[in-house]
């Protein structure tokens, strides 16, 4: 596991860009952290690093947003599933078709879908500190 500290949105985006260089089709990046911890901000950097030119925003109301880049990017937000998520609900979403598929899956609120995530998922744990963000990256390809 590596620990990073960022003090601005620009630094968090740049860290996402750096992480994107190690990602390939079929990879899953699972994000953990409270509201406002910077998950979507870091995802903007990963998406940009993967060639996405569209504006990336939280897909909370649609749950899954697909973006075109060098490889497909699937931005998945499980916030609305509630604590612990329900495996049946995740399966109804077709989440398993995205995980390990032809693109990179970026999963916010990953703890709500933990049962379906592959062991190889890169896990990013984010928290707010007095001076910015603490970002732990571990597992998977990172």
Protein backbone atom coordinates (compact mmCIF):
# COMPACT_ATOMS: atom_id res chain seq x y z
CA UNK A 1 0.00 0.00 0.00
CA UNK A 2 1.17 3.50 -0.76
CA UNK A 3 -0.02 6.61 1.06
CA UNK A 4 -0.35 9.96 -0.66
CA UNK A 5 -1.32 13.39 0.67
CA UNK A 6 -2.88 16.02 -1.56
CA UNK A 7 -3.70 19.59 -0.63
CA UNK A 8 -5.85 20.61 -3.61
CA UNK A 9 -8.31 19.23 -6.12
CA UNK A 10 -5.65 19.68 -8.82
CA UNK A 11 -3.21 17.46 -6.90
CA UNK A 12 -5.90 14.81 -6.38
CA UNK A 13 -6.73 14.87 -10.10
CA UNK A 14 -3.04 14.56 -10.95
CA UNK A 15 -2.72 11.55 -8.63
CA UNK A 16 -5.64 9.99 -10.51
CA UNK A 17 -3.89 10.63 -13.82
CA UNK A 18 -0.78 8.91 -12.48
CA UNK A 19 -2.78 5.89 -11.33
CA UNK A 20 -4.45 5.62 -14.75
CA UNK A 21 -1.12 4.77 -16.39
CA UNK A 22 -1.14 1.35 -14.69
CA UNK A 23 -4.74 0.49 -15.59
CA UNK A 24 -5.99 -1.67 -18.44
CA UNK A 25 -9.24 -3.19 -19.65
CA UNK A 26 -10.79 -5.42 -16.99
CA UNK A 27 -9.31 -3.53 -14.02
CA UNK A 28 -11.50 -2.42 -11.13
CA UNK A 29 -10.65 0.48 -8.84
CA UNK A 30 -12.73 0.54 -5.65
CA UNK A 31 -13.07 3.86 -3.79
CA UNK A 32 -13.83 4.15 -0.08
CA UNK A 33 -14.36 7.35 1.89
CA UNK A 34 -16.91 9.67 3.39
CA UNK A 35 -18.86 12.29 1.47
CA UNK A 36 -16.48 15.04 0.40
CA UNK A 37 -13.34 12.92 0.68
CA UNK A 38 -12.44 13.45 -2.98
CA UNK A 39 -13.51 10.19 -4.65
CA UNK A 40 -15.12 11.82 -7.69
CA UNK A 41 -12.24 14.30 -7.97
CA UNK A 42 -9.69 11.50 -8.20
CA UNK A 43 -11.92 9.65 -10.68
CA UNK A 44 -11.86 12.76 -12.90
CA UNK A 45 -8.07 12.41 -13.05
CA UNK A 46 -8.18 8.69 -13.82
CA UNK A 47 -10.75 9.24 -16.57
CA UNK A 48 -8.70 12.06 -18.10
CA UNK A 49 -5.61 9.86 -18.00
CA UNK A 50 -7.57 7.18 -19.87
CA UNK A 51 -8.50 9.64 -22.61
CA UNK A 52 -12.00 10.66 -21.52
CA UNK A 53 -12.79 14.17 -22.76
CA UNK A 54 -16.34 14.44 -21.39
CA UNK A 55 -17.08 16.17 -18.09
CA UNK A 56 -16.97 13.51 -15.37
CA UNK A 57 -19.40 13.96 -12.51
CA UNK A 58 -20.90 11.79 -9.81
CA UNK A 59 -23.41 9.36 -11.31
CA UNK A 60 -25.40 9.09 -8.07
CA UNK A 61 -28.81 9.24 -9.71
CA UNK A 62 -28.04 6.94 -12.65
CA UNK A 63 -25.65 4.64 -10.71
CA UNK A 64 -23.52 3.76 -13.79
CA UNK A 65 -22.13 6.22 -16.31
CA UNK A 66 -20.14 5.02 -19.31
CA UNK A 67 -17.42 7.18 -20.85
CA UNK A 68 -15.39 6.71 -24.02
CA UNK A 69 -11.64 6.95 -23.81
CA UNK A 70 -8.74 4.87 -25.09
CA UNK A 71 -10.63 2.09 -23.33
CA UNK A 72 -14.18 2.30 -21.94
CA UNK A 73 -14.50 3.80 -18.46
CA UNK A 74 -17.42 2.73 -16.27
CA UNK A 75 -18.05 5.10 -13.36
CA UNK A 76 -20.21 3.29 -10.83
CA UNK A 77 -21.65 4.98 -7.73
CA UNK A 78 -23.22 2.61 -5.20
CA UNK A 79 -24.24 5.31 -2.70
CA UNK A 80 -27.96 4.91 -3.35
CA UNK A 81 -27.85 1.18 -2.57
CA UNK A 82 -27.59 1.89 1.14
CA UNK A 83 -25.34 0.35 3.75
CA UNK A 84 -24.14 -3.13 2.87
CA UNK A 85 -25.90 -3.09 -0.52
CA UNK A 86 -27.94 -6.07 -1.54
CA UNK A 87 -26.25 -8.60 -3.79
CA UNK A 88 -29.53 -9.19 -5.62
CA UNK A 89 -29.79 -5.44 -6.27
CA UNK A 90 -26.26 -5.36 -7.61
CA UNK A 91 -26.97 -8.29 -9.87
CA UNK A 92 -30.17 -6.59 -11.10
CA UNK A 93 -28.02 -3.62 -12.13
CA UNK A 94 -25.89 -5.95 -14.23
CA UNK A 95 -22.82 -4.92 -12.28
CA UNK A 96 -21.16 -8.27 -12.89
CA UNK A 97 -21.16 -7.56 -16.65
CA UNK A 98 -19.06 -4.43 -16.06
CA UNK A 99 -16.62 -5.90 -13.56
CA UNK A 100 -13.74 -7.50 -15.38
CA UNK A 101 -15.23 -6.53 -18.73
CA UNK A 102 -13.84 -4.56 -21.64
CA UNK A 103 -13.22 -1.35 -19.71
CA UNK A 104 -11.97 0.05 -16.43
CA UNK A 105 -14.53 0.13 -13.59
CA UNK A 106 -14.26 2.99 -11.09
CA UNK A 107 -16.54 2.13 -8.16
CA UNK A 108 -17.49 4.77 -5.57
CA UNK A 109 -18.89 3.62 -2.23
CA UNK A 110 -17.31 0.25 -2.97
CA UNK A 111 -18.06 -1.09 0.50
CA UNK A 112 -21.70 -1.35 -0.60
CA UNK A 113 -20.77 -3.81 -3.31
CA UNK A 114 -17.77 -5.49 -1.72
CA UNK A 115 -19.19 -9.00 -2.19
CA UNK A 116 -19.06 -8.59 -5.97
CA UNK A 117 -15.66 -6.92 -6.30
CA UNK A 118 -12.77 -9.04 -7.54
CA UNK A 119 -9.90 -9.72 -5.16
CA UNK A 120 -7.62 -8.03 -7.69
CA UNK A 121 -9.40 -4.68 -7.38
CA UNK A 122 -7.21 -1.70 -6.62
CA UNK A 123 -8.52 -0.24 -3.36
CA UNK A 124 -8.35 3.51 -2.77
CA UNK A 125 -9.20 4.73 0.73
CA UNK A 126 -9.67 8.48 1.02
CA UNK A 127 -10.08 10.72 4.02
CA UNK A 128 -10.05 14.41 4.82
CA UNK A 129 -7.16 15.69 6.93
CA UNK A 130 -6.53 19.11 8.40
CA UNK A 131 -4.54 20.11 5.32
CA UNK A 132 -6.17 18.15 2.48
CA UNK A 133 -6.67 14.49 1.65
CA UNK A 134 -5.00 11.28 2.75
CA UNK A 135 -5.19 8.69 -0.01
CA UNK A 136 -4.16 5.07 0.49
CA UNK A 137 -3.78 2.96 -2.65
CA UNK A 138 -3.32 -0.78 -2.37
CA UNK A 139 -4.17 -4.17 -3.78
CA UNK A 140 -4.58 -5.09 -7.39
CA UNK A 141 -2.24 -3.43 -9.85
CA UNK A 142 -1.28 -0.50 -7.61
